[in-house]
Amino acid sequence: MKAPLCCPNCKTNRTRFNVIKQTATSVKVNPETGTIEKQYESGEEEPFHITYNGPPARIQCASCGLIENERTFQSFAT
C-alpha cells in the first residue's frame, strides 16, 4: 500500500483499515464425508484443478466493514 485510501461506502474514512491477507491451499475433498483427502503442494495439482490467482490481500474499512480489493479504495481516494 503506497497510495492513499478512501472508503467508497462511507466516503469519509481515509485512515482506519484492516488488511486481510489471503492464502490459498489446494485440497481434494471427499464428496460424501467432506474430509480432506489430499493437500497439494504448489505446482502438483491434478488436471482440472485451477490454482488460485486472486489478490494476495483485500482491504476492509474499519469504520463500516466494507471489504474490497485495494484498487477500489485507491481509485476512490483520487
Protein backbone atom coordinates (compact mmCIF):
# COMPACT_ATOMS: atom_id res chain seq x y z
CA MET A 1 0.00 0.00 0.00
CA LYS A 2 1.79 3.04 -1.28
CA ALA A 3 -1.24 5.08 -2.31
CA PRO A 4 -3.89 6.93 -0.28
CA LEU A 5 -7.09 5.02 0.51
CA CYS A 6 -10.67 6.18 0.98
CA CYS A 7 -13.73 4.02 1.61
CA PRO A 8 -16.21 4.17 -1.30
CA ASN A 9 -19.06 3.16 1.01
CA CYS A 10 -18.86 5.52 3.99
CA LYS A 11 -16.88 8.11 1.94
CA THR A 12 -15.17 9.66 4.97
CA ASN A 13 -12.69 7.07 6.29
CA ARG A 14 -9.16 7.69 5.00
CA THR A 15 -7.14 6.37 7.94
CA ARG A 16 -8.60 3.20 9.53
CA PHE A 17 -8.39 -0.04 7.53
CA ASN A 18 -7.76 -3.75 8.05
CA VAL A 19 -5.51 -5.65 5.64
CA ILE A 20 -6.82 -9.19 5.13
CA LYS A 21 -4.10 -11.47 3.77
CA GLN A 22 -5.36 -14.34 1.66
CA THR A 23 -3.52 -17.62 1.40
CA ALA A 24 -4.98 -20.40 -0.72
CA THR A 25 -4.46 -24.08 -0.01
CA SER A 26 -5.32 -26.53 -2.79
CA VAL A 27 -7.08 -29.63 -1.46
CA LYS A 28 -9.07 -32.62 -2.67
CA VAL A 29 -12.22 -33.25 -0.61
CA ASN A 30 -14.19 -36.49 -0.22
CA PRO A 31 -17.61 -35.76 -1.78
CA GLU A 32 -19.51 -37.92 0.74
CA THR A 33 -17.88 -37.01 4.04
CA GLY A 34 -16.33 -33.63 3.29
CA THR A 35 -12.99 -34.64 4.77
CA ILE A 36 -9.78 -33.54 3.11
CA GLU A 37 -8.24 -36.46 1.24
CA LYS A 38 -5.19 -34.71 -0.17
CA GLN A 39 -3.45 -31.36 0.22
CA TYR A 40 -1.50 -30.32 -2.87
CA GLU A 41 1.82 -28.54 -2.89
CA SER A 42 2.29 -25.68 -5.32
CA GLY A 43 2.63 -26.99 -8.86
CA GLU A 44 1.48 -30.57 -8.21
CA GLU A 45 -2.25 -30.02 -8.77
CA GLU A 46 -4.13 -32.55 -10.88
CA PRO A 47 -5.77 -31.78 -14.24
CA PHE A 48 -8.98 -29.72 -13.93
CA HIS A 49 -7.71 -28.16 -10.69
CA ILE A 50 -7.26 -24.44 -11.29
CA THR A 51 -4.86 -22.75 -8.91
CA TYR A 52 -5.88 -19.59 -7.05
CA ASN A 53 -4.94 -16.42 -8.91
CA GLY A 54 -6.77 -13.77 -6.90
CA PRO A 55 -5.29 -10.86 -4.97
CA PRO A 56 -2.87 -11.65 -2.13
CA ALA A 57 -4.70 -9.22 0.17
CA ARG A 58 -8.01 -7.39 0.50
CA ILE A 59 -8.83 -4.23 2.42
CA GLN A 60 -11.60 -3.78 4.98
CA CYS A 61 -12.84 -0.36 6.07
CA ALA A 62 -12.54 -0.27 9.86
CA SER A 63 -15.48 2.16 10.06
CA CYS A 64 -18.25 0.50 8.03
CA GLY A 65 -16.82 -3.00 7.39
CA LEU A 66 -16.76 -2.92 3.56
CA ILE A 67 -14.30 -5.47 2.12
CA GLU A 68 -12.95 -4.86 -1.40
CA ASN A 69 -9.77 -5.04 -3.45
CA GLU A 70 -7.15 -2.43 -2.63
CA ARG A 71 -7.58 -0.76 -6.05
CA THR A 72 -11.20 0.09 -5.25
CA PHE A 73 -10.15 2.08 -2.18
CA GLN A 74 -7.23 3.67 -4.06
CA SER A 75 -9.30 4.80 -7.03
CA PHE A 76 -11.96 6.35 -4.76
CA ALA A 77 -9.24 8.31 -2.93
CA THR A 78 -8.10 10.04 -6.12
